[in-house]
Amino acid sequence: MFNFLKKLFMGKRSGIAVVIGLNQINDELNKHYENVVSKIEKRISNLENLFSNYVDSLAQMAEQLRNAEIKLKIDEKTKSIVISQRENYLKHLNLLIEQLKSIKLSNVDEFAKGIFLVETKLNAFFKSAVRSRELAKHLFFDEIEGVDKALNFIRRLIENSKAVLEENNVLLFYKLREKYEAFKSVSTKRKEVADLILDAKKKLVELGREKESLEHELEALKHDPKFSEFTLLQKENDELEYTIERLKSKTLELFSPIQRPLRKFSRIVSEKEDIKLIEAYLRGPFDALISDEKLRILKLLADLKRCVSIDQIDLKDKKKETVFNNIEKINFSVLNSILEDYKSICEKKTLVKKKLYNNQITLRKKEIQYRLEYIDAKIREEKEKLLRAEERKKRLDEEFFPLKREFENDLGKFLGKEVTISF
């Protein structure tokens, strides 16, 4: 009993297990299908002839219905309604006959597709003509019965045809052909993603090796005799940078306390150049001072002091004193000292930078650091690629393996063998 049920659910298998390559499947399908076609060709031809005869018979029944006369004595109104319904029924019936005659069933492929089209047209006819059939049947019973018998012959032929196609796996062949394309598409995508994963992993290994090599080289530079010179120059450069930052802080400390009155002052100044200069000092006092070589700001600060003293700029008395004191601190000597110090520092920095530039350790260190930054960026990029590819492969695997099992099972039923697909 168990073996019977197993055969029932698994289909007829020969017990032979075969391994078929993905690219061989199409050839195997077509070769086996040719055997199926040669086996059922005669039966299909007989069914096609029967179908043609049944359609001709249906056409004759339709003609008899069209020519039938009403033998019963009925009132004109009822007669008119029934005749109208007969015409409506014949309209649907003649359309069906035309559709059935146009369907080609001359070979197995056409038959396998066409017989389902016949079924579709027949079902559509039954649905659209049901009311007119029932009404016409009251006075044309025999003729309608003749049409029904012809239609039933066609309906039984459809069922027999589907059984022949099902028994010989013709329908399974078409199903397999569609599944094969879907399976092949998923398999191709999966292989492409697997290649991307391998490529990303390979690149990460190569980048890791290159990074390690550069880091070793960077460490080795520290033991170079010129490295101590480089270290001293770098230290000197850092100290000069720090000195510049101190000058910036000093300038900011001078101008920050007078920012508010200076902003009010900019609103009453008439000269555009003066307004631009004040706005520059408000945005960044140090950068403005470096650009203000003639120290035009001193004249504007004197004007600001005058405007505050004559109350042209509204400030409280206590605030006025604070502003005056802060303006007094910003004099030629202080600003000029900052400028001179900055120029001196810049000259020293230029010399240090030149020495650093000419130092081979500096050049090589910069090259290595630039290359390391590039490699780190590439490693991040490849890791992101790898993560995306692995996530995509996981999704494809969830689709691929059930599809593979289902396809192997259906292909096994079709070929009569236990099938495993290889790649």
Protein backbone atom coordinates (compact mmCIF):
# COMPACT_ATOMS: atom_id res chain seq x y z
CA MET A 1 0.00 0.00 0.00
CA PHE A 2 2.85 2.36 0.88
CA ASN A 3 4.60 1.74 -2.46
CA PHE A 4 1.35 2.39 -4.32
CA LEU A 5 0.87 5.74 -2.57
CA LYS A 6 4.51 6.64 -3.16
CA LYS A 7 4.12 5.98 -6.90
CA LEU A 8 0.86 7.89 -6.95
CA PHE A 9 2.41 11.04 -5.48
CA MET A 10 5.84 10.76 -7.10
CA GLY A 11 4.64 9.79 -10.59
CA LYS A 12 6.04 6.90 -12.61
CA ARG A 13 9.78 6.77 -12.04
CA SER A 14 12.18 4.19 -13.44
CA GLY A 15 14.29 4.21 -10.29
CA ILE A 16 17.21 5.59 -12.31
CA ALA A 17 18.95 8.59 -10.77
CA VAL A 18 20.55 11.07 -13.18
CA VAL A 19 22.50 14.29 -12.85
CA ILE A 20 21.66 16.89 -15.49
CA GLY A 21 23.56 20.10 -16.04
CA LEU A 22 21.54 23.32 -16.05
CA ASN A 23 22.46 24.02 -19.68
CA GLN A 24 21.43 20.48 -20.74
CA ILE A 25 17.90 20.72 -19.36
CA ASN A 26 16.39 22.34 -22.44
CA ASP A 27 17.78 19.61 -24.73
CA GLU A 28 16.54 16.86 -22.37
CA LEU A 29 13.08 18.43 -22.22
CA ASN A 30 12.78 18.76 -25.99
CA LYS A 31 14.14 15.25 -26.67
CA HIS A 32 11.69 13.63 -24.26
CA TYR A 33 8.86 15.81 -25.53
CA GLU A 34 9.51 14.61 -29.10
CA ASN A 35 8.97 11.04 -27.86
CA VAL A 36 5.73 12.10 -26.17
CA VAL A 37 4.52 13.84 -29.33
CA SER A 38 5.23 10.81 -31.54
CA LYS A 39 3.36 8.63 -29.03
CA ILE A 40 0.15 10.71 -28.89
CA GLU A 41 0.17 12.35 -32.33
CA LYS A 42 -2.43 9.95 -33.74
CA ARG A 43 -4.73 10.34 -30.72
CA ILE A 44 -4.49 14.11 -30.95
CA SER A 45 -5.27 13.96 -34.67
CA ASN A 46 -8.37 11.86 -33.93
CA LEU A 47 -9.47 14.30 -31.24
CA GLU A 48 -8.93 17.21 -33.64
CA ASN A 49 -11.13 15.48 -36.26
CA LEU A 50 -13.79 14.80 -33.64
CA PHE A 51 -13.69 18.41 -32.55
CA SER A 52 -14.13 19.58 -36.15
CA ASN A 53 -17.11 17.22 -36.59
CA TYR A 54 -18.68 18.38 -33.32
CA VAL A 55 -18.36 22.03 -34.34
CA ASP A 56 -19.97 21.22 -37.72
CA SER A 57 -22.75 19.39 -35.88
CA LEU A 58 -23.20 22.40 -33.60
CA ALA A 59 -23.49 24.65 -36.65
CA GLN A 60 -26.19 22.35 -38.08
CA MET A 61 -28.10 22.45 -34.80
CA ALA A 62 -27.88 26.24 -34.84
CA GLU A 63 -29.27 26.31 -38.39
CA GLN A 64 -32.14 24.03 -37.38
CA LEU A 65 -32.94 26.34 -34.47
CA ARG A 66 -32.88 29.35 -36.78
CA ASN A 67 -35.29 27.73 -39.24
CA ALA A 68 -37.61 26.15 -36.64
CA GLU A 69 -41.24 27.23 -36.70
CA ILE A 70 -43.51 27.73 -33.72
CA LYS A 71 -46.16 25.02 -33.77
CA LEU A 72 -48.05 25.98 -30.63
CA LYS A 73 -50.78 28.57 -30.74
CA ILE A 74 -49.72 31.47 -28.55
CA ASP A 75 -50.46 35.15 -28.34
CA GLU A 76 -48.42 37.52 -30.49
CA LYS A 77 -46.75 39.24 -27.54
CA THR A 78 -45.34 35.97 -26.13
CA LYS A 79 -44.39 34.83 -29.61
CA SER A 80 -42.50 38.07 -30.21
CA ILE A 81 -40.59 37.76 -26.90
CA VAL A 82 -39.57 34.12 -27.52
CA ILE A 83 -38.47 34.80 -31.11
CA SER A 84 -36.44 37.76 -29.87
CA GLN A 85 -34.74 35.55 -27.26
CA ARG A 86 -34.07 32.88 -29.91
CA GLU A 87 -32.34 35.51 -32.06
CA ASN A 88 -30.31 36.65 -29.08
CA TYR A 89 -29.32 33.06 -28.26
CA LEU A 90 -28.38 32.39 -31.90
CA LYS A 91 -26.26 35.55 -31.90
CA HIS A 92 -24.18 34.18 -28.98
CA LEU A 93 -24.16 30.67 -30.47
CA ASN A 94 -23.00 31.75 -33.94
CA LEU A 95 -20.25 33.86 -32.35
CA LEU A 96 -19.11 30.77 -30.42
CA ILE A 97 -19.12 28.65 -33.60
CA GLU A 98 -16.99 31.26 -35.41
CA GLN A 99 -14.56 31.35 -32.49
CA LEU A 100 -14.30 27.55 -32.31
CA LYS A 101 -13.70 27.25 -36.06
CA SER A 102 -10.88 29.79 -35.83
CA ILE A 103 -9.01 27.81 -33.15
CA LYS A 104 -6.21 25.71 -34.66
CA LEU A 105 -5.67 22.21 -33.23
CA SER A 106 -3.67 20.65 -36.09
CA ASN A 107 -0.63 19.53 -34.02
CA VAL A 108 0.16 18.69 -30.41
CA ASP A 109 1.48 22.16 -29.54
CA GLU A 110 -1.54 23.92 -31.04
CA PHE A 111 -3.86 21.37 -29.49
CA ALA A 112 -2.37 21.77 -26.00
CA LYS A 113 -2.93 25.54 -26.12
CA GLY A 114 -6.11 25.55 -28.20
CA ILE A 115 -8.14 23.10 -26.15
CA PHE A 116 -8.00 25.43 -23.15
CA LEU A 117 -9.04 28.31 -25.38
CA VAL A 118 -12.03 26.19 -26.49
CA GLU A 119 -12.93 25.68 -22.83
CA THR A 120 -12.65 29.42 -22.14
CA LYS A 121 -14.90 30.33 -25.09
CA LEU A 122 -17.41 27.65 -24.11
CA ASN A 123 -17.62 28.88 -20.51
CA ALA A 124 -18.03 32.47 -21.71
CA PHE A 125 -20.89 31.34 -23.99
CA PHE A 126 -22.71 29.48 -21.20
CA LYS A 127 -22.46 32.53 -18.98
CA SER A 128 -23.69 35.06 -21.58
CA ALA A 129 -26.45 32.95 -23.18
CA VAL A 130 -28.05 31.33 -20.13
CA ARG A 131 -31.11 33.65 -19.95
CA SER A 132 -31.95 33.70 -23.66
CA ARG A 133 -31.54 29.88 -23.79
CA GLU A 134 -34.06 29.33 -20.98
CA LEU A 135 -36.63 31.63 -22.58
CA ALA A 136 -36.19 30.26 -26.10
CA LYS A 137 -36.42 26.68 -24.83
CA HIS A 138 -40.14 27.13 -24.00
CA LEU A 139 -41.12 27.08 -27.70
CA PHE A 140 -37.99 25.51 -29.29
CA PHE A 141 -37.35 22.68 -26.85
CA ASP A 142 -36.19 20.01 -29.33
CA GLU A 143 -33.88 22.38 -31.19
CA ILE A 144 -32.32 23.72 -27.97
CA GLU A 145 -31.86 20.13 -26.76
CA GLY A 146 -30.02 19.38 -30.03
CA VAL A 147 -27.70 22.34 -29.44
CA ASP A 148 -27.14 21.22 -25.82
CA LYS A 149 -26.15 17.72 -26.96
CA ALA A 150 -23.67 19.11 -29.48
CA LEU A 151 -22.20 21.39 -26.81
CA ASN A 152 -21.95 18.48 -24.35
CA PHE A 153 -20.03 16.45 -26.94
CA ILE A 154 -17.53 19.30 -27.20
CA ARG A 155 -17.36 19.63 -23.42
CA ARG A 156 -16.65 15.89 -23.00
CA LEU A 157 -14.04 16.11 -25.75
CA ILE A 158 -12.34 18.90 -23.80
CA GLU A 159 -12.22 16.74 -20.66
CA ASN A 160 -10.89 13.73 -22.63
CA SER A 161 -8.30 15.93 -24.35
CA LYS A 162 -7.11 17.39 -21.05
CA ALA A 163 -6.83 13.86 -19.65
CA VAL A 164 -4.69 12.76 -22.62
CA LEU A 165 -2.46 15.82 -22.22
CA GLU A 166 -2.20 15.30 -18.46
CA GLU A 167 -1.50 11.54 -18.68
CA ASN A 168 1.30 12.08 -21.18
CA ASN A 169 2.80 15.05 -19.32
CA VAL A 170 2.25 17.49 -22.19
CA LEU A 171 0.94 20.11 -19.79
CA LEU A 172 3.83 19.36 -17.45
CA PHE A 173 6.20 20.02 -20.37
CA TYR A 174 4.83 23.56 -20.84
CA LYS A 175 4.89 24.12 -17.10
CA LEU A 176 8.51 22.93 -16.97
CA ARG A 177 9.51 25.17 -19.86
CA GLU A 178 8.16 28.22 -18.02
CA LYS A 179 9.72 27.11 -14.73
CA TYR A 180 13.04 26.46 -16.47
CA GLU A 181 13.29 30.09 -17.61
CA ALA A 182 12.45 31.34 -14.11
CA PHE A 183 14.83 28.84 -12.50
CA LYS A 184 17.61 29.68 -14.96
CA SER A 185 17.11 33.41 -14.33
CA VAL A 186 17.38 32.99 -10.53
CA SER A 187 20.35 30.66 -10.96
CA THR A 188 22.14 33.18 -13.19
CA LYS A 189 21.51 36.02 -10.72
CA ARG A 190 22.72 33.81 -7.86
CA LYS A 191 25.94 32.99 -9.72
CA GLU A 192 26.52 36.67 -10.52
CA VAL A 193 26.08 37.56 -6.84
CA ALA A 194 28.36 34.67 -5.77
CA ASP A 195 31.01 36.01 -8.16
CA LEU A 196 30.59 39.48 -6.63
CA ILE A 197 31.10 38.02 -3.15
CA LEU A 198 34.26 36.16 -4.22
CA ASP A 199 35.56 39.26 -5.99
CA ALA A 200 34.91 41.48 -2.94
CA LYS A 201 36.60 38.99 -0.59
CA LYS A 202 39.58 38.70 -2.92
CA LYS A 203 39.91 42.49 -3.12
CA LEU A 204 39.66 42.81 0.68
CA VAL A 205 42.51 40.31 1.10
CA GLU A 206 44.64 42.20 -1.46
CA LEU A 207 43.86 45.57 0.14
CA GLY A 208 44.60 44.17 3.60
CA ARG A 209 48.00 42.92 2.45
CA GLU A 210 48.83 46.25 0.82
CA LYS A 211 47.75 48.15 3.95
CA GLU A 212 49.90 45.92 6.16
CA SER A 213 52.89 46.42 3.84
CA LEU A 214 52.50 50.22 3.88
CA GLU A 215 52.12 50.29 7.66
CA HIS A 216 55.39 48.33 7.97
CA GLU A 217 57.06 50.78 5.60
CA LEU A 218 55.70 53.73 7.60
CA GLU A 219 57.10 52.20 10.79
CA ALA A 220 60.46 51.59 9.06
CA LEU A 221 60.71 55.30 8.17
CA LYS A 222 61.14 56.07 11.87
CA HIS A 223 64.51 54.30 11.81
CA ASP A 224 65.77 56.33 8.86
CA PRO A 225 68.58 58.81 9.79
CA LYS A 226 66.59 61.63 8.18
CA PHE A 227 63.59 60.91 10.36
CA SER A 228 65.01 62.91 13.34
CA GLU A 229 65.40 65.94 11.06
CA PHE A 230 61.83 65.43 9.87
CA THR A 231 60.59 65.18 13.47
CA LEU A 232 62.30 68.42 14.47
CA LEU A 233 60.95 70.25 11.44
CA GLN A 234 57.46 68.94 12.11
CA LYS A 235 57.72 70.04 15.74
CA GLU A 236 58.89 73.51 14.70
CA ASN A 237 56.03 73.77 12.21
CA ASP A 238 53.51 72.76 14.89
CA GLU A 239 54.91 75.40 17.27
CA LEU A 240 54.59 78.08 14.59
CA GLU A 241 50.99 77.01 13.97
CA TYR A 242 50.33 77.27 17.69
CA THR A 243 51.83 80.79 17.74
CA ILE A 244 49.51 81.84 14.92
CA GLU A 245 46.55 80.49 16.89
CA ARG A 246 47.65 82.59 19.87
CA LEU A 247 47.76 85.69 17.64
CA LYS A 248 44.23 84.87 16.44
CA SER A 249 43.03 84.56 20.04
CA LYS A 250 44.70 87.84 21.00
CA THR A 251 43.02 89.67 18.08
CA LEU A 252 39.66 88.16 18.94
CA GLU A 253 40.05 89.25 22.58
CA LEU A 254 40.66 92.84 21.41
CA PHE A 255 37.63 93.09 19.12
CA SER A 256 35.04 90.89 20.86
CA PRO A 257 34.12 93.47 23.57
CA ILE A 258 33.31 96.16 20.96
CA GLN A 259 31.38 93.96 18.51
CA ARG A 260 27.95 95.33 19.44
CA PRO A 261 28.81 99.07 19.17
CA LEU A 262 30.87 98.32 16.05
CA ARG A 263 27.82 96.69 14.44
CA LYS A 264 25.67 99.74 15.33
CA PHE A 265 28.39 101.98 13.95
CA SER A 266 28.35 100.13 10.59
CA ARG A 267 24.71 101.21 10.14
CA ILE A 268 25.55 104.93 10.22
CA VAL A 269 28.77 104.81 8.19
CA SER A 270 28.29 106.20 4.68
CA GLU A 271 31.32 104.88 2.78
CA LYS A 272 30.82 101.40 1.29
CA GLU A 273 34.50 100.49 1.70
CA ASP A 274 34.31 101.39 5.39
CA ILE A 275 31.17 99.30 5.83
CA LYS A 276 32.86 96.31 4.15
CA LEU A 277 35.91 96.67 6.40
CA ILE A 278 33.80 96.83 9.59
CA GLU A 279 31.78 93.78 8.49
CA ALA A 280 35.05 91.91 7.81
CA TYR A 281 36.26 92.63 11.37
CA LEU A 282 32.89 91.51 12.75
CA ARG A 283 33.10 88.21 10.83
CA GLY A 284 36.73 87.43 11.63
CA PRO A 285 38.96 90.01 13.30
CA PHE A 286 42.27 88.23 12.61
CA ASP A 287 41.67 87.62 8.88
CA ALA A 288 40.43 91.20 8.52
CA LEU A 289 43.54 92.56 10.27
CA ILE A 290 45.90 90.56 8.02
CA SER A 291 44.18 92.08 4.97
CA ASP A 292 44.10 95.59 6.52
CA GLU A 293 47.80 96.38 6.01
CA LYS A 294 47.27 100.18 6.28
CA LEU A 295 45.32 99.70 9.53
CA ARG A 296 42.31 101.69 8.30
CA ILE A 297 40.39 100.23 11.21
CA LEU A 298 42.15 102.64 13.61
CA LYS A 299 40.51 105.68 11.98
CA LEU A 300 37.11 103.93 12.06
CA LEU A 301 37.59 103.08 15.75
CA ALA A 302 38.37 106.76 16.45
CA ASP A 303 35.14 107.70 14.63
CA LEU A 304 33.29 105.06 16.64
CA LYS A 305 34.62 106.56 19.88
CA ARG A 306 33.50 110.04 18.79
CA CYS A 307 29.98 108.80 17.85
CA VAL A 308 29.64 107.10 21.22
CA SER A 309 30.79 110.24 23.08
CA ILE A 310 28.20 112.45 21.31
CA ASP A 311 25.48 109.83 21.80
CA GLN A 312 25.14 109.20 18.09
CA ILE A 313 25.30 105.55 19.11
CA ASP A 314 22.97 104.82 21.99
CA LEU A 315 24.85 103.24 24.93
CA LYS A 316 24.49 103.48 28.71
CA ASP A 317 27.16 105.50 30.55
CA LYS A 318 28.67 102.42 32.12
CA LYS A 319 28.87 100.75 28.72
CA LYS A 320 30.41 103.86 27.21
CA GLU A 321 33.35 103.72 29.61
CA THR A 322 33.89 100.04 28.81
CA VAL A 323 33.83 100.73 25.07
CA PHE A 324 36.26 103.65 25.46
CA ASN A 325 38.67 101.50 27.48
CA ASN A 326 38.53 98.66 24.95
CA ILE A 327 39.04 101.00 21.99
CA GLU A 328 42.08 102.48 23.79
CA LYS A 329 43.59 98.98 23.93
CA ILE A 330 43.37 98.68 20.13
CA ASN A 331 46.14 101.02 19.05
CA PHE A 332 48.71 101.14 16.29
CA SER A 333 51.44 99.59 18.41
CA VAL A 334 49.34 96.53 19.36
CA LEU A 335 47.93 95.87 15.88
CA ASN A 336 51.22 96.50 14.13
CA SER A 337 52.94 94.13 16.55
CA ILE A 338 50.44 91.39 15.67
CA LEU A 339 51.01 92.01 11.95
CA GLU A 340 54.80 91.99 12.32
CA ASP A 341 54.72 88.82 14.40
CA TYR A 342 52.46 87.15 11.84
CA LYS A 343 54.74 88.12 8.95
CA SER A 344 57.76 86.80 10.84
CA ILE A 345 56.00 83.52 11.62
CA CYS A 346 54.89 83.13 7.99
CA GLU A 347 58.47 83.60 6.79
CA LYS A 348 59.68 80.94 9.24
CA LYS A 349 56.86 78.61 8.20
CA THR A 350 57.80 79.03 4.55
CA LEU A 351 61.37 77.98 5.33
CA VAL A 352 60.24 75.04 7.45
CA LYS A 353 57.78 73.91 4.79
CA LYS A 354 60.49 74.13 2.14
CA LYS A 355 62.77 71.97 4.27
CA LEU A 356 59.95 69.54 4.95
CA TYR A 357 59.10 69.41 1.26
CA ASN A 358 62.71 68.64 0.36
CA ASN A 359 62.96 66.02 3.10
CA GLN A 360 62.50 62.58 1.42
CA ILE A 361 60.99 61.18 4.60
CA THR A 362 58.25 63.80 4.39
CA LEU A 363 57.53 63.02 0.78
CA ARG A 364 57.41 59.27 1.33
CA LYS A 365 55.36 59.62 4.51
CA LYS A 366 52.80 61.75 2.69
CA GLU A 367 52.67 59.23 -0.16
CA ILE A 368 52.14 56.37 2.27
CA GLN A 369 49.52 58.25 4.30
CA TYR A 370 47.67 59.24 1.13
CA ARG A 371 47.77 55.65 -0.07
CA LEU A 372 46.59 54.37 3.33
CA GLU A 373 43.65 56.79 3.31
CA TYR A 374 42.75 55.59 -0.19
CA ILE A 375 43.04 51.92 0.86
CA ASP A 376 40.89 52.49 3.97
CA ALA A 377 38.22 54.10 1.78
CA LYS A 378 38.41 51.16 -0.67
CA ILE A 379 38.19 48.65 2.21
CA ARG A 380 35.02 50.38 3.50
CA GLU A 381 33.60 50.39 -0.04
CA GLU A 382 34.38 46.69 -0.60
CA LYS A 383 32.92 45.74 2.80
CA GLU A 384 29.70 47.55 1.92
CA LYS A 385 29.64 45.76 -1.46
CA LEU A 386 30.24 42.43 0.27
CA LEU A 387 27.48 43.05 2.82
CA ARG A 388 24.98 44.02 0.11
CA ALA A 389 25.96 41.02 -2.04
CA GLU A 390 25.67 38.58 0.89
CA GLU A 391 22.23 39.96 1.81
CA ARG A 392 21.11 39.66 -1.82
CA LYS A 393 22.47 36.10 -2.06
CA LYS A 394 20.57 35.17 1.09
CA ARG A 395 17.34 36.42 -0.50
CA LEU A 396 18.12 34.60 -3.76
CA ASP A 397 18.92 31.37 -1.86
CA GLU A 398 15.52 31.56 -0.16
CA GLU A 399 13.98 31.69 -3.64
CA PHE A 400 16.45 29.34 -5.36
CA PHE A 401 16.46 26.17 -3.23
CA PRO A 402 12.66 25.65 -3.03
CA LEU A 403 12.47 26.38 -6.78
CA LYS A 404 15.27 23.87 -7.45
CA ARG A 405 13.58 21.12 -5.41
CA GLU A 406 10.24 21.75 -7.09
CA PHE A 407 11.81 21.85 -10.56
CA GLU A 408 13.83 18.65 -9.96
CA ASN A 409 10.67 16.89 -8.77
CA ASP A 410 8.61 18.01 -11.81
CA LEU A 411 11.46 17.21 -14.22
CA GLY A 412 11.79 13.78 -12.60
CA LYS A 413 8.08 13.14 -13.18
CA PHE A 414 8.40 14.21 -16.80
CA LEU A 415 11.51 12.12 -17.55
CA GLY A 416 10.54 9.19 -15.32
CA LYS A 417 13.83 9.43 -13.40
CA GLU A 418 15.20 10.78 -10.15
CA VAL A 419 16.83 14.06 -11.22
CA THR A 420 19.53 16.18 -9.62
CA ILE A 421 20.52 19.42 -11.35
CA SER A 422 24.20 20.32 -11.43
CA PHE A 423 25.80 23.71 -12.08
